[in-house]
PDB file of N, CA and C in Angstrom:
ATOM      1  N   MET A   1       0.835  -1.170   0.000  1.00  0.00           N
ATOM      2  CA  MET A   1       0.000   0.000   0.000  1.00  0.00           C
ATOM      3  C   MET A   1       0.886   1.241   0.000  1.00  0.00           C
ATOM      4  N   LEU A   2       0.453   2.244  -0.729  1.00  0.00           N
ATOM      5  CA  LEU A   2       1.156   3.516  -0.789  1.00  0.00           C
ATOM      6  C   LEU A   2       0.288   4.585  -0.143  1.00  0.00           C
ATOM      7  N   LEU A   3       0.929   5.555   0.478  1.00  0.00           N
ATOM      8  CA  LEU A   3       0.225   6.660   1.107  1.00  0.00           C
ATOM      9  C   LEU A   3       1.014   7.925   0.834  1.00  0.00           C
ATOM     10  N   LEU A   4       0.311   8.973   0.410  1.00  0.00           N
ATOM     11  CA  LEU A   4       0.942  10.262   0.174  1.00  0.00           C
ATOM     12  C   LEU A   4       0.186  11.302   0.989  1.00  0.00           C
ATOM     13  N   ALA A   5       0.898  12.042   1.805  1.00  0.00           N
ATOM     14  CA  ALA A   5       0.321  13.132   2.589  1.00  0.00           C
ATOM     15  C   ALA A   5       0.885  14.442   2.066  1.00  0.00           C
ATOM     16  N   THR A   6      -0.006  15.395   1.776  1.00  0.00           N
ATOM     17  CA  THR A   6       0.422  16.696   1.286  1.00  0.00           C
ATOM     18  C   THR A   6      -0.299  17.796   2.057  1.00  0.00           C
ATOM     19  N   GLN A   7       0.375  18.901   2.212  1.00  0.00           N
ATOM     20  CA  GLN A   7      -0.216  20.051   2.869  1.00  0.00           C
ATOM     21  C   GLN A   7      -1.098  20.781   1.868  1.00  0.00           C
ATOM     22  N   ALA A   8      -2.292  21.166   2.302  1.00  0.00           N
ATOM     23  CA  ALA A   8      -3.222  21.883   1.439  1.00  0.00           C
ATOM     24  C   ALA A   8      -3.245  23.364   1.830  1.00  0.00           C
ATOM     25  N   PRO A   9      -3.454  24.243   0.871  1.00  0.00           N
ATOM     26  CA  PRO A   9      -3.591  25.661   1.220  1.00  0.00           C
ATOM     27  C   PRO A   9      -4.802  25.850   2.143  1.00  0.00           C
ATOM     28  N   THR A  10      -4.630  26.602   3.207  1.00  0.00           N
ATOM     29  CA  THR A  10      -5.712  26.754   4.181  1.00  0.00           C
ATOM     30  C   THR A  10      -6.954  27.394   3.573  1.00  0.00           C
ATOM     31  N   SER A  11      -6.794  28.174   2.524  1.00  0.00           N
ATOM     32  CA  SER A  11      -7.958  28.801   1.881  1.00  0.00           C
ATOM     33  C   SER A  11      -8.852  27.783   1.181  1.00  0.00           C
ATOM     34  N   THR A  12      -8.333  26.568   0.933  1.00  0.00           N
ATOM     35  CA  THR A  12      -9.122  25.538   0.240  1.00  0.00           C
ATOM     36  C   THR A  12      -9.704  24.509   1.198  1.00  0.00           C
ATOM     37  N   VAL A  13      -9.469  24.679   2.500  1.00  0.00           N
ATOM     38  CA  VAL A  13      -9.881  23.678   3.486  1.00  0.00           C
ATOM     39  C   VAL A  13     -11.192  24.096   4.138  1.00  0.00           C
ATOM     40  N   PRO A  14     -12.205  23.222   4.111  1.00  0.00           N
ATOM     41  CA  PRO A  14     -13.476  23.541   4.778  1.00  0.00           C
ATOM     42  C   PRO A  14     -13.307  23.640   6.298  1.00  0.00           C
ATOM     43  N   PRO A  15     -14.204  24.337   6.980  1.00  0.00           N
ATOM     44  CA  PRO A  15     -14.140  24.422   8.440  1.00  0.00           C
ATOM     45  C   PRO A  15     -14.176  23.028   9.078  1.00  0.00           C
ATOM     46  N   GLY A  16     -13.373  22.839  10.103  1.00  0.00           N
ATOM     47  CA  GLY A  16     -13.330  21.565  10.808  1.00  0.00           C
ATOM     48  C   GLY A  16     -12.340  20.564  10.255  1.00  0.00           C
ATOM     49  N   GLU A  17     -11.738  20.869   9.116  1.00  0.00           N
ATOM     50  CA  GLU A  17     -10.752  19.968   8.524  1.00  0.00           C
ATOM     51  C   GLU A  17      -9.342  20.517   8.714  1.00  0.00           C
ATOM     52  N   LEU A  18      -8.377  19.613   8.627  1.00  0.00           N
ATOM     53  CA  LEU A  18      -6.967  19.989   8.699  1.00  0.00           C
ATOM     54  C   LEU A  18      -6.452  20.340   7.306  1.00  0.00           C
ATOM     55  N   ALA A  19      -5.396  21.113   7.245  1.00  0.00           N
ATOM     56  CA  ALA A  19      -4.783  21.477   5.960  1.00  0.00           C
ATOM     57  C   ALA A  19      -3.858  20.353   5.504  1.00  0.00           C
ATOM     58  N   LEU A  20      -4.405  19.157   5.456  1.00  0.00           N
ATOM     59  CA  LEU A  20      -3.652  17.955   5.117  1.00  0.00           C
ATOM     60  C   LEU A  20      -4.521  17.069   4.237  1.00  0.00           C
ATOM     61  N   ARG A  21      -3.992  16.660   3.103  1.00  0.00           N
ATOM     62  CA  ARG A  21      -4.693  15.745   2.192  1.00  0.00           C
ATOM     63  C   ARG A  21      -3.931  14.429   2.170  1.00  0.00           C
ATOM     64  N   ILE A  22      -4.681  13.330   2.177  1.00  0.00           N
ATOM     65  CA  ILE A  22      -4.102  11.986   2.176  1.00  0.00           C
ATOM     66  C   ILE A  22      -4.631  11.226   0.971  1.00  0.00           C
ATOM     67  N   GLY A  23      -3.724  10.622   0.231  1.00  0.00           N
ATOM     68  CA  GLY A  23      -4.083   9.749  -0.877  1.00  0.00           C
ATOM     69  C   GLY A  23      -3.473   8.379  -0.649  1.00  0.00           C
ATOM     70  N   THR A  24      -4.220   7.331  -0.952  1.00  0.00           N
ATOM     71  CA  THR A  24      -3.720   5.969  -0.802  1.00  0.00           C
ATOM     72  C   THR A  24      -3.917   5.210  -2.102  1.00  0.00           C
ATOM     73  N   GLY A  25      -3.152   4.144  -2.254  1.00  0.00           N
ATOM     74  CA  GLY A  25      -3.277   3.306  -3.439  1.00  0.00           C
ATOM     75  C   GLY A  25      -2.424   2.064  -3.301  1.00  0.00           C
ATOM     76  N   PRO A  26      -2.654   1.101  -4.167  1.00  0.00           N
ATOM     77  CA  PRO A  26      -1.892  -0.151  -4.108  1.00  0.00           C
ATOM     78  C   PRO A  26      -0.549  -0.039  -4.828  1.00  0.00           C
ATOM     79  N   VAL A  27       0.344  -0.922  -4.482  1.00  0.00           N
ATOM     80  CA  VAL A  27       1.594  -1.072  -5.228  1.00  0.00           C
ATOM     81  C   VAL A  27       1.251  -1.901  -6.471  1.00  0.00           C
ATOM     82  N   PRO A  28       1.650  -1.464  -7.665  1.00  0.00           N
ATOM     83  CA  PRO A  28       1.332  -2.236  -8.873  1.00  0.00           C
ATOM     84  C   PRO A  28       1.893  -3.654  -8.801  1.00  0.00           C
ATOM     85  N   GLY A  29       1.211  -4.575  -9.427  1.00  0.00           N
ATOM     86  CA  GLY A  29       1.601  -5.982  -9.408  1.00  0.00           C
ATOM     87  C   GLY A  29       3.028  -6.235  -9.862  1.00  0.00           C
ATOM     88  N   ASP A  30       3.484  -5.505 -10.888  1.00  0.00           N
ATOM     89  CA  ASP A  30       4.840  -5.724 -11.394  1.00  0.00           C
ATOM     90  C   ASP A  30       5.919  -5.166 -10.459  1.00  0.00           C
ATOM     91  N   LYS A  31       5.520  -4.454  -9.415  1.00  0.00           N
ATOM     92  CA  LYS A  31       6.482  -3.883  -8.474  1.00  0.00           C
ATOM     93  C   LYS A  31       6.352  -4.502  -7.076  1.00  0.00           C
ATOM     94  N   ARG A  32       5.505  -5.497  -6.914  1.00  0.00           N
ATOM     95  CA  ARG A  32       5.255  -6.071  -5.583  1.00  0.00           C
ATOM     96  C   ARG A  32       6.473  -6.753  -4.978  1.00  0.00           C
ATOM     97  N   ASP A  33       7.190  -7.544  -5.752  1.00  0.00           N
ATOM     98  CA  ASP A  33       8.362  -8.239  -5.199  1.00  0.00           C
ATOM     99  C   ASP A  33       9.378  -7.242  -4.654  1.00  0.00           C
ATOM    100  N   HIS A  34       9.653  -6.207  -5.435  1.00  0.00           N
ATOM    101  CA  HIS A  34      10.587  -5.179  -4.979  1.00  0.00           C
ATOM    102  C   HIS A  34       9.957  -4.352  -3.856  1.00  0.00           C
ATOM    103  N   GLY A  35       8.622  -4.210  -3.871  1.00  0.00           N
ATOM    104  CA  GLY A  35       7.925  -3.501  -2.806  1.00  0.00           C
ATOM    105  C   GLY A  35       8.071  -4.202  -1.468  1.00  0.00           C
ATOM    106  N   ILE A  36       8.008  -5.521  -1.482  1.00  0.00           N
ATOM    107  CA  ILE A  36       8.200  -6.300  -0.249  1.00  0.00           C
ATOM    108  C   ILE A  36       9.619  -6.104   0.272  1.00  0.00           C
ATOM    109  N   LYS A  37      10.603  -6.131  -0.627  1.00  0.00           N
ATOM    110  CA  LYS A  37      11.990  -5.905  -0.218  1.00  0.00           C
ATOM    111  C   LYS A  37      12.185  -4.486   0.315  1.00  0.00           C
ATOM    112  N   LEU A  38      11.535  -3.519  -0.309  1.00  0.00           N
ATOM    113  CA  LEU A  38      11.611  -2.133   0.140  1.00  0.00           C
ATOM    114  C   LEU A  38      11.037  -1.995   1.549  1.00  0.00           C
ATOM    115  N   ALA A  39       9.847  -2.539   1.771  1.00  0.00           N
ATOM    116  CA  ALA A  39       9.210  -2.458   3.090  1.00  0.00           C
ATOM    117  C   ALA A  39      10.032  -3.174   4.146  1.00  0.00           C
ATOM    118  N   SER A  40      10.590  -4.318   3.802  1.00  0.00           N
ATOM    119  CA  SER A  40      11.420  -5.066   4.763  1.00  0.00           C
ATOM    120  C   SER A  40      12.657  -4.270   5.162  1.00  0.00           C
ATOM    121  N   ALA A  41      13.315  -3.660   4.191  1.00  0.00           N
ATOM    122  CA  ALA A  41      14.511  -2.866   4.490  1.00  0.00           C
ATOM    123  C   ALA A  41      14.149  -1.669   5.368  1.00  0.00           C
ATOM    124  N   LEU A  42      13.066  -0.984   5.047  1.00  0.00           N
ATOM    125  CA  LEU A  42      12.661   0.174   5.833  1.00  0.00           C
ATOM    126  C   LEU A  42      12.258  -0.238   7.246  1.00  0.00           C
ATOM    127  N   ALA A  43      11.579  -1.375   7.383  1.00  0.00           N
ATOM    128  CA  ALA A  43      11.159  -1.849   8.704  1.00  0.00           C
ATOM    129  C   ALA A  43      12.355  -2.160   9.594  1.00  0.00           C
ATOM    130  N   ARG A  44      13.434  -2.655   8.990  1.00  0.00           N
ATOM    131  CA  ARG A  44      14.650  -2.978   9.754  1.00  0.00           C
ATOM    132  C   ARG A  44      15.555  -1.773   9.949  1.00  0.00           C
ATOM    133  N   GLY A  45      15.246  -0.658   9.272  1.00  0.00           N
ATOM    134  CA  GLY A  45      16.105   0.517   9.346  1.00  0.00           C
ATOM    135  C   GLY A  45      17.320   0.413   8.457  1.00  0.00           C
ATOM    136  N   ASP A  46      17.269  -0.519   7.479  1.00  0.00           N
ATOM    137  CA  ASP A  46      18.382  -0.718   6.562  1.00  0.00           C
ATOM    138  C   ASP A  46      18.308   0.258   5.390  1.00  0.00           C
ATOM    139  N   THR A  47      19.402   0.350   4.670  1.00  0.00           N
ATOM    140  CA  THR A  47      19.448   1.118   3.436  1.00  0.00           C
ATOM    141  C   THR A  47      18.794   0.304   2.330  1.00  0.00           C
ATOM    142  N   VAL A  48      17.996   0.967   1.519  1.00  0.00           N
ATOM    143  CA  VAL A  48      17.323   0.300   0.404  1.00  0.00           C
ATOM    144  C   VAL A  48      18.310   0.126  -0.736  1.00  0.00           C
ATOM    145  N   SER A  49      18.304  -1.050  -1.352  1.00  0.00           N
ATOM    146  CA  SER A  49      19.195  -1.340  -2.467  1.00  0.00           C
ATOM    147  C   SER A  49      18.972  -0.357  -3.618  1.00  0.00           C
ATOM    148  N   ARG A  50      20.040   0.044  -4.258  1.00  0.00           N
ATOM    149  CA  ARG A  50      19.936   0.950  -5.408  1.00  0.00           C
ATOM    150  C   ARG A  50      19.237   0.286  -6.584  1.00  0.00           C
ATOM    151  N   THR A  51      19.211  -1.030  -6.615  1.00  0.00           N
ATOM    152  CA  THR A  51      18.563  -1.747  -7.717  1.00  0.00           C
ATOM    153  C   THR A  51      17.078  -1.983  -7.462  1.00  0.00           C
ATOM    154  N   ASN A  52      16.562  -1.544  -6.323  1.00  0.00           N
ATOM    155  CA  ASN A  52      15.151  -1.737  -6.018  1.00  0.00           C
ATOM    156  C   ASN A  52      14.308  -0.888  -6.968  1.00  0.00           C
ATOM    157  N   GLN A  53      13.433  -1.536  -7.720  1.00  0.00           N
ATOM    158  CA  GLN A  53      12.641  -0.853  -8.747  1.00  0.00           C
ATOM    159  C   GLN A  53      11.430  -0.127  -8.183  1.00  0.00           C
ATOM    160  N   THR A  54      11.021  -0.471  -6.967  1.00  0.00           N
ATOM    161  CA  THR A  54       9.836   0.158  -6.393  1.00  0.00           C
ATOM    162  C   THR A  54      10.158   1.503  -5.751  1.00  0.00           C
ATOM    163  N   ALA A  55      11.347   1.664  -5.195  1.00  0.00           N
ATOM    164  CA  ALA A  55      11.703   2.911  -4.506  1.00  0.00           C
ATOM    165  C   ALA A  55      11.531   4.148  -5.390  1.00  0.00           C
ATOM    166  N   PRO A  56      12.072   4.182  -6.618  1.00  0.00           N
ATOM    167  CA  PRO A  56      11.872   5.386  -7.437  1.00  0.00           C
ATOM    168  C   PRO A  56      10.406   5.570  -7.843  1.00  0.00           C
ATOM    169  N   TYR A  57       9.693   4.469  -8.027  1.00  0.00           N
ATOM    170  CA  TYR A  57       8.264   4.565  -8.363  1.00  0.00           C
ATOM    171  C   TYR A  57       7.505   5.238  -7.231  1.00  0.00           C
ATOM    172  N   VAL A  58       7.777   4.802  -5.989  1.00  0.00           N
ATOM    173  CA  VAL A  58       7.085   5.348  -4.827  1.00  0.00           C
ATOM    174  C   VAL A  58       7.376   6.843  -4.677  1.00  0.00           C
ATOM    175  N   LYS A  59       8.593   7.251  -4.943  1.00  0.00           N
ATOM    176  CA  LYS A  59       8.972   8.657  -4.773  1.00  0.00           C
ATOM    177  C   LYS A  59       8.270   9.580  -5.762  1.00  0.00           C
ATOM    178  N   THR A  60       7.835   9.058  -6.905  1.00  0.00           N
ATOM    179  CA  THR A  60       7.168   9.894  -7.911  1.00  0.00           C
ATOM    180  C   THR A  60       5.669   9.613  -8.007  1.00  0.00           C
ATOM    181  N   TRP A  61       5.151   8.648  -7.238  1.00  0.00           N
ATOM    182  CA  TRP A  61       3.744   8.249  -7.301  1.00  0.00           C
ATOM    183  C   TRP A  61       2.828   9.365  -6.818  1.00  0.00           C
ATOM    184  N   LYS A  62       1.722   9.548  -7.521  1.00  0.00           N
ATOM    185  CA  LYS A  62       0.682  10.503  -7.128  1.00  0.00           C
ATOM    186  C   LYS A  62      -0.648   9.750  -7.084  1.00  0.00           C
ATOM    187  N   PRO A  63      -1.431   9.922  -6.021  1.00  0.00           N
ATOM    188  CA  PRO A  63      -2.721   9.232  -5.932  1.00  0.00           C
ATOM    189  C   PRO A  63      -3.730   9.825  -6.909  1.00  0.00           C
ATOM    190  N   GLU A  64      -4.731   9.020  -7.261  1.00  0.00           N
ATOM    191  CA  GLU A  64      -5.794   9.514  -8.144  1.00  0.00           C
ATOM    192  C   GLU A  64      -6.570  10.639  -7.477  1.00  0.00           C
ATOM    193  N   SER A  65      -6.813  10.490  -6.178  1.00  0.00           N
ATOM    194  CA  SER A  65      -7.503  11.547  -5.439  1.00  0.00           C
ATOM    195  C   SER A  65      -6.979  11.567  -4.013  1.00  0.00           C
ATOM    196  N   ALA A  66      -6.847  12.757  -3.476  1.00  0.00           N
ATOM    197  CA  ALA A  66      -6.427  12.916  -2.086  1.00  0.00           C
ATOM    198  C   ALA A  66      -7.647  13.366  -1.290  1.00  0.00           C
ATOM    199  N   ARG A  67      -7.784  12.829  -0.100  1.00  0.00           N
ATOM    200  CA  ARG A  67      -8.960  13.114   0.724  1.00  0.00           C
ATOM    201  C   ARG A  67      -8.600  14.055   1.866  1.00  0.00           C
ATOM    202  N   GLY A  68      -9.601  14.791   2.315  1.00  0.00           N
ATOM    203  CA  GLY A  68      -9.432  15.680   3.446  1.00  0.00           C
ATOM    204  C   GLY A  68      -9.274  14.904   4.740  1.00  0.00           C
ATOM    205  N   THR A  69      -8.757  15.585   5.758  1.00  0.00           N
ATOM    206  CA  THR A  69      -8.519  14.957   7.059  1.00  0.00           C
ATOM    207  C   THR A  69      -9.093  15.824   8.169  1.00  0.00           C
ATOM    208  N   MET A  70      -9.321  15.188   9.303  1.00  0.00           N
ATOM    209  CA  MET A  70      -9.761  15.916  10.484  1.00  0.00           C
ATOM    210  C   MET A  70      -9.135  15.308  11.725  1.00  0.00           C
ATOM    211  N   GLN A  71      -8.960  16.126  12.739  1.00  0.00           N
ATOM    212  CA  GLN A  71      -8.374  15.683  13.997  1.00  0.00           C
ATOM    213  C   GLN A  71      -9.379  14.808  14.747  1.00  0.00           C
ATOM    214  N   THR A  72      -8.879  13.829  15.468  1.00  0.00           N
ATOM    215  CA  THR A  72      -9.727  13.010  16.325  1.00  0.00           C
ATOM    216  C   THR A  72      -9.514  13.458  17.768  1.00  0.00           C
ATOM    217  N   THR A  73     -10.248  12.849  18.688  1.00  0.00           N
ATOM    218  CA  THR A  73     -10.054  13.203  20.096  1.00  0.00           C
ATOM    219  C   THR A  73      -8.765  12.612  20.639  1.00  0.00           C
ATOM    220  N   GLY A  74      -8.191  11.644  19.950  1.00  0.00           N
ATOM    221  CA  GLY A  74      -6.931  11.037  20.365  1.00  0.00           C
ATOM    222  C   GLY A  74      -5.766  11.590  19.574  1.00  0.00           C
ATOM    223  N   ASN A  75      -4.767  10.759  19.370  1.00  0.00           N
ATOM    224  CA  ASN A  75      -3.554  11.164  18.654  1.00  0.00           C
ATOM    225  C   ASN A  75      -3.603  10.860  17.171  1.00  0.00           C
ATOM    226  N   SER A  76      -4.742  10.485  16.656  1.00  0.00           N
ATOM    227  CA  SER A  76      -4.846  10.086  15.261  1.00  0.00           C
ATOM    228  C   SER A  76      -5.432  11.201  14.405  1.00  0.00           C
ATOM    229  N   VAL A  77      -5.295  11.009  13.103  1.00  0.00           N
ATOM    230  CA  VAL A  77      -5.951  11.842  12.103  1.00  0.00           C
ATOM    231  C   VAL A  77      -6.893  10.919  11.352  1.00  0.00           C
ATOM    232  N   ARG A  78      -8.084  11.396  11.023  1.00  0.00           N
ATOM    233  CA  ARG A  78      -9.083  10.581  10.322  1.00  0.00           C
ATOM    234  C   ARG A  78      -9.337  11.181   8.950  1.00  0.00           C
ATOM    235  N   LEU A  79      -9.465  10.298   7.945  1.00  0.00           N
ATOM    236  CA  LEU A  79      -9.870  10.764   6.626  1.00  0.00           C
ATOM    237  C   LEU A  79     -11.350  11.127   6.695  1.00  0.00           C
ATOM    238  N   VAL A  80     -11.724  12.214   6.050  1.00  0.00           N
ATOM    239  CA  VAL A  80     -13.090  12.716   6.128  1.00  0.00           C
ATOM    240  C   VAL A  80     -14.081  11.750   5.486  1.00  0.00           C
ATOM    241  N   SER A  81     -13.752  11.200   4.344  1.00  0.00           N
ATOM    242  CA  SER A  81     -14.725  10.419   3.575  1.00  0.00           C
ATOM    243  C   SER A  81     -14.718   8.926   3.886  1.00  0.00           C
ATOM    244  N   GLU A  82     -13.809   8.463   4.721  1.00  0.00           N
ATOM    245  CA  GLU A  82     -13.731   7.044   5.044  1.00  0.00           C
ATOM    246  C   GLU A  82     -13.431   6.873   6.520  1.00  0.00           C
ATOM    247  N   GLU A  83     -13.695   5.686   7.019  1.00  0.00           N
ATOM    248  CA  GLU A  83     -13.313   5.346   8.383  1.00  0.00           C
ATOM    249  C   GLU A  83     -11.871   4.842   8.350  1.00  0.00           C
ATOM    250  N   VAL A  84     -10.950   5.747   8.073  1.00  0.00           N
ATOM    251  CA  VAL A  84      -9.529   5.438   8.023  1.00  0.00           C
ATOM    252  C   VAL A  84      -8.825   6.381   8.982  1.00  0.00           C
ATOM    253  N   TYR A  85      -8.012   5.802   9.848  1.00  0.00           N
ATOM    254  CA  TYR A  85      -7.295   6.574  10.853  1.00  0.00           C
ATOM    255  C   TYR A  85      -5.796   6.383  10.661  1.00  0.00           C
ATOM    256  N   LEU A  86      -5.033   7.452  10.857  1.00  0.00           N
ATOM    257  CA  LEU A  86      -3.580   7.412  10.734  1.00  0.00           C
ATOM    258  C   LEU A  86      -2.973   7.912  12.034  1.00  0.00           C
ATOM    259  N   ARG A  87      -1.923   7.230  12.469  1.00  0.00           N
ATOM    260  CA  ARG A  87      -1.179   7.672  13.651  1.00  0.00           C
ATOM    261  C   ARG A  87       0.296   7.492  13.380  1.00  0.00           C
ATOM    262  N   GLN A  88       1.064   8.549  13.563  1.00  0.00           N
ATOM    263  CA  GLN A  88       2.502   8.484  13.336  1.00  0.00           C
ATOM    264  C   GLN A  88       3.217   8.177  14.640  1.00  0.00           C
ATOM    265  N   THR A  89       4.158   7.230  14.567  1.00  0.00           N
ATOM    266  CA  THR A  89       5.041   6.937  15.692  1.00  0.00           C
ATOM    267  C   THR A  89       6.422   7.470  15.318  1.00  0.00           C
ATOM    268  N   ALA A  90       7.429   7.126  16.083  1.00  0.00           N
ATOM    269  CA  ALA A  90       8.776   7.643  15.828  1.00  0.00           C
ATOM    270  C   ALA A  90       9.302   7.263  14.451  1.00  0.00           C
ATOM    271  N   SER A  91       9.033   6.042  13.987  1.00  0.00           N
ATOM    272  CA  SER A  91       9.649   5.587  12.744  1.00  0.00           C
ATOM    273  C   SER A  91       8.670   5.090  11.688  1.00  0.00           C
ATOM    274  N   LYS A  92       7.388   5.089  11.983  1.00  0.00           N
ATOM    275  CA  LYS A  92       6.433   4.559  11.003  1.00  0.00           C
ATOM    276  C   LYS A  92       5.067   5.197  11.213  1.00  0.00           C
ATOM    277  N   ILE A  93       4.170   4.857  10.332  1.00  0.00           N
ATOM    278  CA  ILE A  93       2.783   5.308  10.417  1.00  0.00           C
ATOM    279  C   ILE A  93       1.907   4.079  10.515  1.00  0.00           C
ATOM    280  N   LEU A  94       0.966   4.111  11.417  1.00  0.00           N
ATOM    281  CA  LEU A  94      -0.006   3.027  11.547  1.00  0.00           C
ATOM    282  C   LEU A  94      -1.293   3.479  10.883  1.00  0.00           C
ATOM    283  N   LEU A  95      -1.797   2.677   9.968  1.00  0.00           N
ATOM    284  CA  LEU A  95      -3.044   2.964   9.279  1.00  0.00           C
ATOM    285  C   LEU A  95      -4.065   1.924   9.698  1.00  0.00           C
ATOM    286  N   VAL A  96      -5.246   2.361  10.110  1.00  0.00           N
ATOM    287  CA  VAL A  96      -6.320   1.450  10.492  1.00  0.00           C
ATOM    288  C   VAL A  96      -7.540   1.806   9.661  1.00  0.00           C
ATOM    289  N   ARG A  97      -8.095   0.808   8.972  1.00  0.00           N
ATOM    290  CA  ARG A  97      -9.284   0.991   8.141  1.00  0.00           C
ATOM    291  C   ARG A  97     -10.435   0.196   8.759  1.00  0.00           C
ATOM    292  N   VAL A  98     -11.558   0.862   8.956  1.00  0.00           N
ATOM    293  CA  VAL A  98     -12.742   0.229   9.527  1.00  0.00           C
ATOM    294  C   VAL A  98     -13.827   0.241   8.464  1.00  0.00           C
ATOM    295  N   LYS A  99     -14.355  -0.934   8.141  1.00  0.00           N
ATOM    296  CA  LYS A  99     -15.443  -1.042   7.176  1.00  0.00           C
ATOM    297  C   LYS A  99     -16.613  -1.762   7.827  1.00  0.00           C
ATOM    298  N   SER A 100     -17.805  -1.328   7.499  1.00  0.00           N
ATOM    299  CA  SER A 100     -18.982  -2.020   7.985  1.00  0.00           C
ATOM    300  C   SER A 100     -19.190  -3.271   7.148  1.00  0.00           C
ATOM    301  N   ALA A 101     -19.363  -4.395   7.816  1.00  0.00           N
ATOM    302  CA  ALA A 101     -19.577  -5.668   7.127  1.00  0.00           C
ATOM    303  C   ALA A 101     -21.053  -6.046   7.247  1.00  0.00           C
ATOM    304  N   ALA A 102     -21.423  -7.081   6.541  1.00  0.00           N
ATOM    305  CA  ALA A 102     -22.799  -7.563   6.591  1.00  0.00           C
ATOM    306  C   ALA A 102     -23.177  -7.919   8.022  1.00  0.00           C
ATOM    307  N   GLY A 103     -24.420  -7.629   8.393  1.00  0.00           N
ATOM    308  CA  GLY A 103     -24.889  -7.954   9.733  1.00  0.00           C
ATOM    309  C   GLY A 103     -24.486  -6.930  10.776  1.00  0.00           C
ATOM    310  N   GLY A 104     -23.937  -5.795  10.358  1.00  0.00           N
ATOM    311  CA  GLY A 104     -23.574  -4.743  11.291  1.00  0.00           C
ATOM    312  C   GLY A 104     -22.214  -4.907  11.944  1.00  0.00           C
ATOM    313  N   ALA A 105     -21.497  -5.975  11.609  1.00  0.00           N
ATOM    314  CA  ALA A 105     -20.156  -6.176  12.178  1.00  0.00           C
ATOM    315  C   ALA A 105     -19.171  -5.228  11.497  1.00  0.00           C
ATOM    316  N   GLU A 106     -18.046  -5.034  12.135  1.00  0.00           N
ATOM    317  CA  GLU A 106     -17.009  -4.196  11.547  1.00  0.00           C
ATOM    318  C   GLU A 106     -15.836  -5.042  11.088  1.00  0.00           C
ATOM    319  N   ASP A 107     -15.347  -4.752   9.901  1.00  0.00           N
ATOM    320  CA  ASP A 107     -14.168  -5.407   9.353  1.00  0.00           C
ATOM    321  C   ASP A 107     -13.017  -4.418   9.501  1.00  0.00           C
ATOM    322  N   ILE A 108     -12.047  -4.750  10.335  1.00  0.00           N
ATOM    323  CA  ILE A 108     -10.950  -3.830  10.638  1.00  0.00           C
ATOM    324  C   ILE A 108      -9.652  -4.397  10.083  1.00  0.00           C
ATOM    325  N   SER A 109      -8.916  -3.570   9.356  1.00  0.00           N
ATOM    326  CA  SER A 109      -7.601  -3.971   8.871  1.00  0.00           C
ATOM    327  C   SER A 109      -6.594  -2.900   9.284  1.00  0.00           C
ATOM    328  N   ALA A 110      -5.362  -3.317   9.471  1.00  0.00           N
ATOM    329  CA  ALA A 110      -4.314  -2.390   9.897  1.00  0.00           C
ATOM    330  C   ALA A 110      -3.066  -2.622   9.063  1.00  0.00           C
ATOM    331  N   ALA A 111      -2.294  -1.581   8.882  1.00  0.00           N
ATOM    332  CA  ALA A 111      -1.042  -1.674   8.135  1.00  0.00           C
ATOM    333  C   ALA A 111      -0.021  -0.772   8.790  1.00  0.00           C
ATOM    334  N   GLU A 112       1.232  -1.207   8.765  1.00  0.00           N
ATOM    335  CA  GLU A 112       2.342  -0.366   9.181  1.00  0.00           C
ATOM    336  C   GLU A 112       2.977   0.184   7.916  1.00  0.00           C
ATOM    337  N   LEU A 113       3.169   1.473   7.867  1.00  0.00           N
ATOM    338  CA  LEU A 113       3.753   2.126   6.700  1.00  0.00           C
ATOM    339  C   LEU A 113       5.029   2.843   7.126  1.00  0.00           C
ATOM    340  N   TRP A 114       6.057   2.760   6.287  1.00  0.00           N
ATOM    341  CA  TRP A 114       7.332   3.417   6.582  1.00  0.00           C
ATOM    342  C   TRP A 114       7.603   4.478   5.526  1.00  0.00           C
ATOM    343  N   PRO A 115       8.155   5.613   5.929  1.00  0.00           N
ATOM    344  CA  PRO A 115       8.424   6.669   4.959  1.00  0.00           C
ATOM    345  C   PRO A 115       9.571   6.311   4.013  1.00  0.00           C
ATOM    346  N   VAL A 116       9.338   6.524   2.724  1.00  0.00           N
ATOM    347  CA  VAL A 116      10.372   6.336   1.716  1.00  0.00           C
ATOM    348  C   VAL A 116      11.059   7.679   1.484  1.00  0.00           C
ATOM    349  N   SER A 117      10.280   8.758   1.507  1.00  0.00           N
ATOM    350  CA  SER A 117      10.858  10.089   1.385  1.00  0.00           C
ATOM    351  C   SER A 117       9.974  11.059   2.153  1.00  0.00           C
ATOM    352  N   TRP A 118      10.567  12.170   2.557  1.00  0.00           N
ATOM    353  CA  TRP A 118       9.836  13.218   3.284  1.00  0.00           C
ATOM    354  C   TRP A 118       9.758  14.433   2.412  1.00  0.00           C
TER     355      TRP A 118
END
């Protein structure tokens, strides 16, 4: 999974939202093997191989659409249009997605994301 966070001009942000836009998307199938190696290296704090084909792709990737964000009562940021929460720790970002499932149950998934570039 890829995530891009960008600062939005405050004049374009509706009341109650943060000046932060978040876009997410999948890693393309032809880049998954290198994507796994990239994530593993970042998780260990290692240097990414210069031959890794996913690293340059990630650095230039732009999402199809970026969504608005709002502050939560805790330490997380929530996407306005989805039940998606982001929380940054010292070295990674935790993403939690909550979806309503059949019968009123919630389907919750979580991912750890590491920064490729700032």
